[in-house]
C-alpha atoms as a PDB file:
ATOM      1  CA  MET A   1     -98.476 -53.238 -23.637  1.00  0.00           C
ATOM      2  CA  PHE A   2    -100.838 -51.524 -24.044  1.00  0.00           C
ATOM      3  CA  GLY A   3    -100.183 -47.483 -26.425  1.00  0.00           C
ATOM      4  CA  GLY A   4     -96.877 -47.413 -23.771  1.00  0.00           C
ATOM      5  CA  LEU A   5     -93.293 -48.825 -23.450  1.00  0.00           C
ATOM      6  CA  ASP A   6     -91.987 -52.012 -22.155  1.00  0.00           C
ATOM      7  CA  ALA A   7     -91.373 -51.682 -18.446  1.00  0.00           C
ATOM      8  CA  GLU A   8     -88.240 -54.403 -18.941  1.00  0.00           C
ATOM      9  CA  ASP A   9     -87.174 -51.548 -22.534  1.00  0.00           C
ATOM     10  CA  VAL A  10     -87.738 -48.769 -19.916  1.00  0.00           C
ATOM     11  CA  ASP A  11     -85.672 -50.189 -17.195  1.00  0.00           C
ATOM     12  CA  SER A  12     -82.921 -51.500 -19.282  1.00  0.00           C
ATOM     13  CA  PHE A  13     -82.639 -48.172 -21.093  1.00  0.00           C
ATOM     14  CA  LEU A  14     -82.370 -46.387 -17.739  1.00  0.00           C
ATOM     15  CA  GLN A  15     -79.536 -49.459 -16.223  1.00  0.00           C
ATOM     16  CA  MET A  16     -77.670 -48.463 -19.967  1.00  0.00           C
ATOM     17  CA  VAL A  17     -77.636 -44.477 -19.110  1.00  0.00           C
ATOM     18  CA  ALA A  18     -76.857 -45.436 -15.260  1.00  0.00           C
ATOM     19  CA  ALA A  19     -73.971 -47.380 -16.391  1.00  0.00           C
ATOM     20  CA  GLU A  20     -72.670 -45.194 -18.947  1.00  0.00           C
ATOM     21  CA  MET A  21     -73.341 -42.214 -16.287  1.00  0.00           C
ATOM     22  CA  GLU A  22     -71.110 -43.850 -14.194  1.00  0.00           C
ATOM     23  CA  ASP A  23     -68.148 -44.722 -16.661  1.00  0.00           C
ATOM     24  CA  LEU A  24     -69.061 -40.772 -17.990  1.00  0.00           C
ATOM     25  CA  ILE A  25     -68.139 -39.552 -13.937  1.00  0.00           C
ATOM     26  CA  ARG A  26     -65.491 -41.799 -13.122  1.00  0.00           C
ATOM     27  CA  GLU A  27     -63.697 -40.590 -16.897  1.00  0.00           C
ATOM     28  CA  ASN A  28     -64.857 -37.286 -15.580  1.00  0.00           C
ATOM     29  CA  THR A  29     -63.708 -37.388 -11.861  1.00  0.00           C
ATOM     30  CA  GLU A  30     -60.233 -38.570 -13.405  1.00  0.00           C
ATOM     31  CA  LEU A  31     -60.187 -36.425 -16.113  1.00  0.00           C
ATOM     32  CA  LYS A  32     -60.056 -33.864 -13.763  1.00  0.00           C
ATOM     33  CA  GLU A  33     -57.401 -35.085 -11.171  1.00  0.00           C
ATOM     34  CA  GLN A  34     -55.486 -35.762 -14.512  1.00  0.00           C
ATOM     35  CA  ALA A  35     -55.882 -32.050 -14.747  1.00  0.00           C
ATOM     36  CA  ARG A  36     -54.913 -31.280 -11.268  1.00  0.00           C
ATOM     37  CA  ARG A  37     -51.544 -33.451 -10.846  1.00  0.00           C
ATOM     38  CA  ALA A  38     -50.899 -31.210 -14.462  1.00  0.00           C
ATOM     39  CA  ALA A  39     -51.722 -28.124 -12.727  1.00  0.00           C
ATOM     40  CA  ALA A  40     -48.986 -29.088  -9.327  1.00  0.00           C
ATOM     41  CA  GLU A  41     -46.752 -30.518 -11.902  1.00  0.00           C
ATOM     42  CA  MET A  42     -46.977 -26.918 -13.686  1.00  0.00           C
ATOM     43  CA  GLU A  43     -46.380 -25.060 -10.544  1.00  0.00           C
ATOM     44  CA  ALA A  44     -43.547 -27.123  -9.453  1.00  0.00           C
ATOM     45  CA  ILE A  45     -41.927 -26.353 -12.514  1.00  0.00           C
ATOM     46  CA  LYS A  46     -42.527 -22.759 -12.523  1.00  0.00           C
ATOM     47  CA  GLU A  47     -41.079 -22.802  -8.954  1.00  0.00           C
ATOM     48  CA  LYS A  48     -38.104 -25.035 -10.196  1.00  0.00           C
ATOM     49  CA  GLU A  49     -37.883 -21.775 -13.526  1.00  0.00           C
ATOM     50  CA  ALA A  50     -37.633 -19.364 -10.841  1.00  0.00           C
ATOM     51  CA  ASP A  51     -35.195 -20.727  -8.978  1.00  0.00           C
ATOM     52  CA  LEU A  52     -32.948 -21.236 -11.847  1.00  0.00           C
ATOM     53  CA  ARG A  53     -33.537 -17.584 -13.426  1.00  0.00           C
ATOM     54  CA  ASP A  54     -32.849 -16.565  -9.263  1.00  0.00           C
ATOM     55  CA  THR A  55     -29.732 -18.760  -9.235  1.00  0.00           C
ATOM     56  CA  MET A  56     -28.365 -17.631 -12.972  1.00  0.00           C
ATOM     57  CA  LEU A  57     -28.574 -13.888 -12.222  1.00  0.00           C
ATOM     58  CA  ALA A  58     -26.856 -13.972  -8.870  1.00  0.00           C
ATOM     59  CA  ALA A  59     -23.995 -16.137 -10.449  1.00  0.00           C
ATOM     60  CA  GLN A  60     -23.878 -13.630 -13.239  1.00  0.00           C
ATOM     61  CA  LYS A  61     -23.886 -11.133 -10.055  1.00  0.00           C
ATOM     62  CA  ILE A  62     -20.743 -12.850  -8.753  1.00  0.00           C
ATOM     63  CA  THR A  63     -19.244 -13.401 -11.772  1.00  0.00           C
ATOM     64  CA  GLU A  64     -19.366  -9.383 -12.532  1.00  0.00           C
ATOM     65  CA  GLU A  65     -18.275  -8.956  -9.206  1.00  0.00           C
ATOM     66  CA  MET A  66     -15.287 -10.982  -9.687  1.00  0.00           C
ATOM     67  CA  LYS A  67     -14.523  -9.616 -13.074  1.00  0.00           C
ATOM     68  CA  ALA A  68     -14.377  -6.151 -10.907  1.00  0.00           C
ATOM     69  CA  ASN A  69     -12.802  -6.891  -8.303  1.00  0.00           C
ATOM     70  CA  SER A  70      -9.829  -8.574 -10.965  1.00  0.00           C
ATOM     71  CA  GLN A  71      -9.756  -5.777 -12.996  1.00  0.00           C
ATOM     72  CA  LYS A  72      -9.256  -3.378  -9.871  1.00  0.00           C
ATOM     73  CA  GLU A  73      -6.606  -5.844  -8.276  1.00  0.00           C
ATOM     74  CA  ALA A  74      -4.853  -5.520 -12.047  1.00  0.00           C
ATOM     75  CA  THR A  75      -4.897  -1.913 -11.222  1.00  0.00           C
ATOM     76  CA  LEU A  76      -3.309  -1.798  -8.384  1.00  0.00           C
ATOM     77  CA  LEU A  77      -0.773  -4.119  -9.609  1.00  0.00           C
ATOM     78  CA  VAL A  78       0.045  -2.257 -12.243  1.00  0.00           C
ATOM     79  CA  ALA A  79       0.097   0.953 -10.271  1.00  0.00           C
ATOM     80  CA  GLU A  80       2.461  -0.629  -7.184  1.00  0.00           C
ATOM     81  CA  ALA A  81       4.635  -1.912 -10.350  1.00  0.00           C
ATOM     82  CA  GLU A  82       4.616   1.365 -11.753  1.00  0.00           C
ATOM     83  CA  MET A  83       5.740   3.057  -8.673  1.00  0.00           C
ATOM     84  CA  LYS A  84       8.482   0.248  -7.968  1.00  0.00           C
ATOM     85  CA  ALA A  85      10.187   1.102 -11.280  1.00  0.00           C
ATOM     86  CA  ASP A  86       9.898   4.525 -10.726  1.00  0.00           C
ATOM     87  CA  GLY A  87      11.938   4.363  -7.054  1.00  0.00           C
ATOM     88  CA  ILE A  88      14.115   1.981  -9.213  1.00  0.00           C
ATOM     89  CA  LEU A  89      14.959   4.549 -11.829  1.00  0.00           C
ATOM     90  CA  ALA A  90      15.034   7.300  -9.674  1.00  0.00           C
ATOM     91  CA  ASP A  91      17.361   5.549  -7.591  1.00  0.00           C
ATOM     92  CA  ALA A  92      19.345   4.950 -10.725  1.00  0.00           C
ATOM     93  CA  ASN A  93      19.761   8.018 -11.762  1.00  0.00           C
ATOM     94  CA  ARG A  94      20.957   9.255  -8.887  1.00  0.00           C
ATOM     95  CA  LYS A  95      23.864   6.700  -8.917  1.00  0.00           C
ATOM     96  CA  LEU A  96      24.297   7.765 -11.916  1.00  0.00           C
ATOM     97  CA  SER A  97      24.962  11.340 -10.872  1.00  0.00           C
ATOM     98  CA  GLU A  98      27.309  10.356  -8.323  1.00  0.00           C
ATOM     99  CA  LEU A  99      29.057   7.829 -10.129  1.00  0.00           C
ATOM    100  CA  THR A 100      29.196  11.241 -12.507  1.00  0.00           C
ATOM    101  CA  ASN A 101      29.974  13.144 -10.274  1.00  0.00           C
ATOM    102  CA  GLN A 102      33.022  10.868  -8.913  1.00  0.00           C
ATOM    103  CA  ILE A 103      34.650  10.488 -12.604  1.00  0.00           C
ATOM    104  CA  GLN A 104      34.529  14.332 -12.805  1.00  0.00           C
ATOM    105  CA  GLU A 105      36.150  14.191  -9.466  1.00  0.00           C
ATOM    106  CA  LEU A 106      38.818  11.757 -10.371  1.00  0.00           C
ATOM    107  CA  ARG A 107      39.596  13.777 -13.370  1.00  0.00           C
ATOM    108  CA  ARG A 108      39.972  17.129 -12.050  1.00  0.00           C
ATOM    109  CA  GLU A 109      42.675  15.205  -9.604  1.00  0.00           C
ATOM    110  CA  LYS A 110      43.955  13.483 -12.066  1.00  0.00           C
ATOM    111  CA  MET A 111      44.584  16.853 -13.628  1.00  0.00           C
ATOM    112  CA  GLN A 112      46.370  18.312 -10.985  1.00  0.00           C
ATOM    113  CA  PHE A 113      48.583  14.843 -10.396  1.00  0.00           C
ATOM    114  CA  GLU A 114      50.036  15.840 -13.625  1.00  0.00           C
ATOM    115  CA  THR A 115      50.680  19.175 -13.224  1.00  0.00           C
ATOM    116  CA  ALA A 116      52.469  18.658  -9.653  1.00  0.00           C
ATOM    117  CA  LEU A 117      53.903  15.624 -11.763  1.00  0.00           C
ATOM    118  CA  LYS A 118      55.169  18.067 -14.046  1.00  0.00           C
ATOM    119  CA  SER A 119      56.069  20.829 -11.802  1.00  0.00           C
ATOM    120  CA  LEU A 120      58.113  18.689  -9.787  1.00  0.00           C
ATOM    121  CA  LEU A 121      59.492  17.099 -13.122  1.00  0.00           C
ATOM    122  CA  ASP A 122      60.220  20.609 -14.438  1.00  0.00           C
ATOM    123  CA  THR A 123      62.326  21.521 -10.826  1.00  0.00           C
ATOM    124  CA  HIS A 124      63.980  18.313 -10.933  1.00  0.00           C
ATOM    125  CA  TYR A 125      65.408  18.885 -14.510  1.00  0.00           C
ATOM    126  CA  LYS A 126      66.351  22.385 -13.506  1.00  0.00           C
ATOM    127  CA  MET A 127      68.287  21.622 -10.522  1.00  0.00           C
ATOM    128  CA  LEU A 128      69.826  18.582 -12.756  1.00  0.00           C
ATOM    129  CA  SER A 129      71.330  21.648 -15.967  1.00  0.00           C
ATOM    130  CA  LEU A 130      71.905  23.624 -13.212  1.00  0.00           C
ATOM    131  CA  ASN A 131      73.717  21.400 -11.509  1.00  0.00           C
ATOM    132  CA  ALA A 132      75.894  20.223 -14.824  1.00  0.00           C
END
């Protein structure tokens, strides 16, 4: 050793540096693989999130459509019920009018009958009075 480095120390140092480099390369490769897996998982999560968002929007749209259809159906049912009620009311008013007319006709016939009966009774009374 004449003013230089010991060859064994240099070889030992180079082996130590080589081993350290191997460890660092292996660790770097593992970290890259972990980063790749994490990125793939994140992409899968983003896709699931997008699918879930689309599903929720579709469900909301269907719910709104069902609600609108229910409201339309309810409106139609109410309108139909109102029409039936109007028909029933009109029929009842018509029957009331008919009954009122029948009552008036019966009253008129009663008055005619009473007048005719009174006239008949008066005639018989006069006949009895004359014969007496």
